[in-house]
Amino acid sequence: MIITFAPQRRNDTLTLEKTSGDRLRINGDLFNFNPLADGDTIPAGTIPCEWIVGPVERIDGEVRLTIVLPHGPNPSQAVAFPEPLAVSDDGPISVPHDEPEEEPADVDA
């Protein structure tokens, strides 16, 4: 599975998990791409998921899709311009993200 990200300024979070074959859990919702045959395409907008943007295709045996990558007001280069991820193992997928900025400590004067 090849996941390409479309960075977008949003305040929500994204969690991804690959499960048994080409099934992908996005923020708890499971999407099964196992039945997608090589060369098939699911057109953009037909999957009921706000996170999947663009078509979902199987090319040379691999599912390829684009997912919104939420980020804060000042994303790092790695988040603003993320590399596509090649995912083969089942389990949680590490999503590009920036660590939250620490709030300055209150100081009593």
N, C-alpha and C. Protein backbone atom coordinates (compact mmCIF):
# COMPACT_ATOMS: atom_id res chain seq x y z
N MET A 1 0.86 -1.17 0.00
CA MET A 1 0.00 0.00 0.00
C MET A 1 0.91 1.23 0.00
N ILE A 2 0.57 2.16 -0.90
CA ILE A 2 1.31 3.42 -0.99
C ILE A 2 0.35 4.53 -0.57
N ILE A 3 0.72 5.26 0.47
CA ILE A 3 -0.11 6.35 0.97
C ILE A 3 0.62 7.66 0.67
N THR A 4 -0.07 8.51 -0.08
CA THR A 4 0.41 9.86 -0.35
C THR A 4 -0.43 10.80 0.52
N PHE A 5 0.19 11.83 1.03
CA PHE A 5 -0.52 12.75 1.91
C PHE A 5 -0.79 14.09 1.22
N ALA A 6 -1.96 14.65 1.55
CA ALA A 6 -2.34 15.99 1.09
C ALA A 6 -2.42 16.87 2.33
N PRO A 7 -1.34 17.59 2.66
CA PRO A 7 -1.34 18.42 3.86
C PRO A 7 -2.45 19.47 3.83
N GLN A 8 -3.05 19.67 4.98
CA GLN A 8 -4.14 20.64 5.09
C GLN A 8 -4.15 21.21 6.51
N ARG A 9 -4.34 22.51 6.61
CA ARG A 9 -4.43 23.17 7.92
C ARG A 9 -5.74 22.77 8.56
N ARG A 10 -5.65 21.96 9.61
CA ARG A 10 -6.82 21.46 10.34
C ARG A 10 -6.41 21.25 11.79
N ASN A 11 -7.40 21.30 12.67
CA ASN A 11 -7.12 21.10 14.09
C ASN A 11 -7.36 19.67 14.55
N ASP A 12 -7.80 18.78 13.65
CA ASP A 12 -8.05 17.41 14.09
C ASP A 12 -6.80 16.55 13.94
N THR A 13 -6.92 15.31 14.36
CA THR A 13 -5.79 14.39 14.30
C THR A 13 -6.11 13.24 13.36
N LEU A 14 -5.08 12.55 12.93
CA LEU A 14 -5.20 11.43 12.02
C LEU A 14 -4.50 10.22 12.61
N THR A 15 -5.22 9.09 12.67
CA THR A 15 -4.60 7.83 13.04
C THR A 15 -4.88 6.84 11.92
N LEU A 16 -3.86 6.07 11.56
CA LEU A 16 -3.96 5.07 10.50
C LEU A 16 -3.46 3.74 11.01
N GLU A 17 -4.11 2.66 10.54
CA GLU A 17 -3.66 1.31 10.87
C GLU A 17 -3.98 0.40 9.70
N LYS A 18 -2.98 -0.36 9.26
CA LYS A 18 -3.18 -1.35 8.20
C LYS A 18 -3.52 -2.67 8.87
N THR A 19 -4.56 -3.33 8.36
CA THR A 19 -4.95 -4.63 8.91
C THR A 19 -5.18 -5.62 7.79
N SER A 20 -4.87 -6.86 8.04
CA SER A 20 -5.05 -8.01 7.13
C SER A 20 -5.23 -7.66 5.65
N GLY A 21 -4.11 -7.66 4.98
CA GLY A 21 -4.13 -7.39 3.55
C GLY A 21 -4.17 -5.90 3.28
N ASP A 22 -5.13 -5.50 2.47
CA ASP A 22 -5.25 -4.09 2.10
C ASP A 22 -6.47 -3.45 2.73
N ARG A 23 -6.57 -3.63 4.03
CA ARG A 23 -7.62 -2.95 4.80
C ARG A 23 -6.94 -1.85 5.59
N LEU A 24 -7.59 -0.69 5.62
CA LEU A 24 -7.00 0.47 6.28
C LEU A 24 -8.01 1.08 7.24
N ARG A 25 -7.59 1.24 8.48
CA ARG A 25 -8.42 1.90 9.49
C ARG A 25 -7.98 3.36 9.57
N ILE A 26 -8.94 4.26 9.33
CA ILE A 26 -8.67 5.70 9.37
C ILE A 26 -9.51 6.29 10.50
N ASN A 27 -8.84 6.75 11.55
CA ASN A 27 -9.53 7.31 12.72
C ASN A 27 -10.66 6.39 13.19
N GLY A 28 -10.40 5.09 13.20
CA GLY A 28 -11.36 4.12 13.72
C GLY A 28 -12.29 3.51 12.69
N ASP A 29 -12.42 4.11 11.52
CA ASP A 29 -13.30 3.58 10.47
C ASP A 29 -12.48 2.67 9.55
N LEU A 30 -13.02 1.46 9.28
CA LEU A 30 -12.29 0.47 8.49
C LEU A 30 -12.73 0.50 7.04
N PHE A 31 -11.75 0.53 6.12
CA PHE A 31 -11.99 0.52 4.69
C PHE A 31 -11.26 -0.68 4.09
N ASN A 32 -12.00 -1.53 3.37
CA ASN A 32 -11.45 -2.76 2.82
C ASN A 32 -11.18 -2.59 1.33
N PHE A 33 -9.90 -2.57 0.96
CA PHE A 33 -9.52 -2.45 -0.44
C PHE A 33 -9.04 -3.79 -1.01
N ASN A 34 -9.21 -4.89 -0.25
CA ASN A 34 -8.81 -6.21 -0.74
C ASN A 34 -9.48 -6.58 -2.06
N PRO A 35 -10.79 -6.29 -2.27
CA PRO A 35 -11.43 -6.69 -3.53
C PRO A 35 -10.99 -5.90 -4.77
N LEU A 36 -10.27 -4.81 -4.59
CA LEU A 36 -9.84 -3.98 -5.72
C LEU A 36 -8.84 -4.77 -6.58
N ALA A 37 -9.21 -5.02 -7.83
CA ALA A 37 -8.34 -5.80 -8.73
C ALA A 37 -7.27 -4.89 -9.34
N ASP A 38 -6.18 -5.52 -9.79
CA ASP A 38 -5.10 -4.76 -10.41
C ASP A 38 -5.63 -3.98 -11.60
N GLY A 39 -5.32 -2.69 -11.65
CA GLY A 39 -5.79 -1.82 -12.71
C GLY A 39 -7.11 -1.13 -12.41
N ASP A 40 -7.81 -1.56 -11.36
CA ASP A 40 -9.08 -0.93 -10.99
C ASP A 40 -8.86 0.39 -10.27
N THR A 41 -9.84 1.28 -10.39
CA THR A 41 -9.81 2.57 -9.73
C THR A 41 -11.16 2.84 -9.10
N ILE A 42 -11.15 3.31 -7.87
CA ILE A 42 -12.36 3.84 -7.23
C ILE A 42 -12.26 5.35 -7.40
N PRO A 43 -13.20 5.95 -8.14
CA PRO A 43 -13.11 7.39 -8.41
C PRO A 43 -13.13 8.25 -7.15
N ALA A 44 -12.49 9.39 -7.24
CA ALA A 44 -12.47 10.35 -6.14
C ALA A 44 -13.90 10.71 -5.76
N GLY A 45 -14.14 10.83 -4.46
CA GLY A 45 -15.43 11.25 -3.96
C GLY A 45 -16.46 10.16 -3.78
N THR A 46 -16.17 8.93 -4.21
CA THR A 46 -17.16 7.86 -4.06
C THR A 46 -17.02 7.07 -2.77
N ILE A 47 -15.90 7.21 -2.09
CA ILE A 47 -15.71 6.55 -0.80
C ILE A 47 -16.21 7.50 0.28
N PRO A 48 -17.09 7.04 1.15
CA PRO A 48 -17.65 7.92 2.19
C PRO A 48 -16.66 8.21 3.32
N CYS A 49 -15.61 8.97 2.99
CA CYS A 49 -14.58 9.29 3.97
C CYS A 49 -13.97 10.64 3.62
N GLU A 50 -14.08 11.60 4.55
CA GLU A 50 -13.53 12.93 4.29
C GLU A 50 -12.00 12.93 4.23
N TRP A 51 -11.35 11.88 4.73
CA TRP A 51 -9.89 11.84 4.77
C TRP A 51 -9.27 11.37 3.47
N ILE A 52 -10.02 10.56 2.69
CA ILE A 52 -9.50 10.05 1.42
C ILE A 52 -9.84 11.06 0.33
N VAL A 53 -8.79 11.60 -0.29
CA VAL A 53 -8.99 12.57 -1.37
C VAL A 53 -8.32 12.00 -2.62
N GLY A 54 -8.99 12.12 -3.72
CA GLY A 54 -8.46 11.55 -4.96
C GLY A 54 -8.91 10.11 -5.12
N PRO A 55 -8.56 9.51 -6.25
CA PRO A 55 -8.96 8.13 -6.49
C PRO A 55 -8.15 7.14 -5.66
N VAL A 56 -8.69 5.94 -5.50
CA VAL A 56 -7.96 4.83 -4.90
C VAL A 56 -7.75 3.83 -6.03
N GLU A 57 -6.51 3.42 -6.24
CA GLU A 57 -6.19 2.55 -7.36
C GLU A 57 -5.31 1.40 -6.91
N ARG A 58 -5.37 0.32 -7.68
CA ARG A 58 -4.40 -0.77 -7.48
C ARG A 58 -3.55 -0.82 -8.75
N ILE A 59 -2.26 -0.54 -8.57
CA ILE A 59 -1.31 -0.52 -9.68
C ILE A 59 -0.17 -1.47 -9.35
N ASP A 60 0.10 -2.39 -10.25
CA ASP A 60 1.15 -3.40 -10.04
C ASP A 60 0.98 -4.10 -8.70
N GLY A 61 -0.28 -4.38 -8.34
CA GLY A 61 -0.56 -5.13 -7.13
C GLY A 61 -0.63 -4.31 -5.86
N GLU A 62 -0.31 -3.02 -5.91
CA GLU A 62 -0.32 -2.18 -4.71
C GLU A 62 -1.45 -1.17 -4.74
N VAL A 63 -2.15 -1.07 -3.61
CA VAL A 63 -3.18 -0.05 -3.46
C VAL A 63 -2.49 1.28 -3.25
N ARG A 64 -2.96 2.29 -3.96
CA ARG A 64 -2.41 3.65 -3.86
C ARG A 64 -3.56 4.61 -3.57
N LEU A 65 -3.37 5.43 -2.54
CA LEU A 65 -4.40 6.39 -2.18
C LEU A 65 -3.78 7.63 -1.56
N THR A 66 -4.57 8.70 -1.54
CA THR A 66 -4.12 9.97 -0.96
C THR A 66 -5.03 10.30 0.22
N ILE A 67 -4.40 10.65 1.33
CA ILE A 67 -5.11 10.94 2.58
C ILE A 67 -4.73 12.34 3.06
N VAL A 68 -5.73 13.08 3.55
CA VAL A 68 -5.49 14.40 4.12
C VAL A 68 -4.57 14.25 5.33
N LEU A 69 -3.58 15.12 5.41
CA LEU A 69 -2.66 15.15 6.55
C LEU A 69 -2.89 16.47 7.29
N PRO A 70 -3.58 16.42 8.44
CA PRO A 70 -3.82 17.67 9.16
C PRO A 70 -2.54 18.20 9.80
N HIS A 71 -2.44 19.53 9.85
CA HIS A 71 -1.28 20.13 10.51
C HIS A 71 -1.67 21.48 11.11
N GLY A 72 -0.82 21.96 11.99
CA GLY A 72 -1.04 23.22 12.66
C GLY A 72 -0.66 24.41 11.79
N PRO A 73 -0.60 25.60 12.41
CA PRO A 73 -0.37 26.83 11.64
C PRO A 73 1.04 26.95 11.05
N ASN A 74 2.03 26.32 11.63
CA ASN A 74 3.41 26.43 11.14
C ASN A 74 4.04 25.06 10.99
N PRO A 75 3.64 24.29 9.97
CA PRO A 75 4.18 22.93 9.84
C PRO A 75 5.65 22.92 9.45
N SER A 76 6.33 21.89 9.91
CA SER A 76 7.72 21.68 9.49
C SER A 76 7.73 21.26 8.02
N GLN A 77 8.91 21.26 7.42
CA GLN A 77 9.05 20.82 6.03
C GLN A 77 8.56 19.39 5.87
N ALA A 78 8.85 18.52 6.85
CA ALA A 78 8.46 17.11 6.77
C ALA A 78 6.95 16.94 6.76
N VAL A 79 6.22 17.84 7.40
CA VAL A 79 4.76 17.77 7.43
C VAL A 79 4.15 18.52 6.26
N ALA A 80 4.73 19.64 5.89
CA ALA A 80 4.20 20.43 4.77
C ALA A 80 4.44 19.74 3.42
N PHE A 81 5.52 18.97 3.33
CA PHE A 81 5.87 18.29 2.08
C PHE A 81 6.26 16.83 2.39
N PRO A 82 5.30 16.03 2.89
CA PRO A 82 5.65 14.66 3.30
C PRO A 82 5.92 13.74 2.12
N GLU A 83 6.82 12.82 2.34
CA GLU A 83 7.11 11.78 1.36
C GLU A 83 5.99 10.74 1.41
N PRO A 84 5.66 10.11 0.27
CA PRO A 84 4.70 9.01 0.31
C PRO A 84 5.23 7.87 1.19
N LEU A 85 4.31 7.12 1.80
CA LEU A 85 4.69 5.99 2.65
C LEU A 85 4.37 4.69 1.93
N ALA A 86 5.32 3.77 1.93
CA ALA A 86 5.09 2.42 1.45
C ALA A 86 4.83 1.57 2.70
N VAL A 87 3.63 1.02 2.80
CA VAL A 87 3.23 0.28 4.00
C VAL A 87 2.99 -1.17 3.62
N SER A 88 3.75 -2.07 4.23
CA SER A 88 3.56 -3.49 3.94
C SER A 88 3.13 -4.29 5.17
N ASP A 89 3.53 -3.85 6.34
CA ASP A 89 3.22 -4.60 7.56
C ASP A 89 1.91 -4.13 8.17
N ASP A 90 1.18 -5.08 8.76
CA ASP A 90 -0.03 -4.74 9.50
C ASP A 90 0.35 -4.02 10.79
N GLY A 91 -0.51 -3.13 11.22
CA GLY A 91 -0.30 -2.42 12.48
C GLY A 91 -0.44 -0.92 12.30
N PRO A 92 -0.22 -0.18 13.39
CA PRO A 92 -0.32 1.28 13.32
C PRO A 92 0.69 1.85 12.32
N ILE A 93 0.29 2.92 11.65
CA ILE A 93 1.15 3.58 10.67
C ILE A 93 1.58 4.92 11.26
N SER A 94 2.87 5.16 11.23
CA SER A 94 3.40 6.42 11.74
C SER A 94 3.10 7.53 10.74
N VAL A 95 2.27 8.48 11.18
CA VAL A 95 1.84 9.59 10.33
C VAL A 95 2.77 10.78 10.59
N PRO A 96 3.24 11.45 9.52
CA PRO A 96 4.08 12.63 9.75
C PRO A 96 3.34 13.66 10.61
N HIS A 97 4.04 14.18 11.61
CA HIS A 97 3.41 15.18 12.49
C HIS A 97 4.49 16.00 13.18
N ASP A 98 4.08 17.13 13.68
CA ASP A 98 4.96 17.97 14.49
C ASP A 98 4.56 17.82 15.94
N GLU A 99 5.54 17.86 16.82
CA GLU A 99 5.24 17.81 18.25
C GLU A 99 4.56 19.12 18.65
N PRO A 100 3.57 19.04 19.53
CA PRO A 100 2.91 20.29 19.96
C PRO A 100 3.90 21.19 20.67
N GLU A 101 3.71 22.49 20.45
CA GLU A 101 4.58 23.45 21.12
C GLU A 101 4.23 23.49 22.59
N GLU A 102 5.27 23.59 23.42
CA GLU A 102 5.03 23.64 24.86
C GLU A 102 4.57 25.03 25.26
N GLU A 103 3.60 25.06 26.14
CA GLU A 103 3.12 26.33 26.68
C GLU A 103 4.16 26.85 27.65
N PRO A 104 4.44 28.16 27.64
CA PRO A 104 5.38 28.70 28.61
C PRO A 104 4.81 28.55 30.02
N ALA A 105 5.67 28.24 30.94
CA ALA A 105 5.22 28.06 32.33
C ALA A 105 4.84 29.40 32.92
N ASP A 106 3.79 29.38 33.74
CA ASP A 106 3.38 30.59 34.45
C ASP A 106 4.42 30.88 35.53
N VAL A 107 4.78 32.13 35.63
CA VAL A 107 5.77 32.53 36.64
C VAL A 107 5.09 33.56 37.53
N ASP A 108 5.10 33.28 38.82
CA ASP A 108 4.55 34.26 39.79
C ASP A 108 5.59 35.37 39.99
N ALA A 109 5.12 36.59 39.92
CA ALA A 109 6.03 37.71 40.11
C ALA A 109 5.93 38.26 41.51
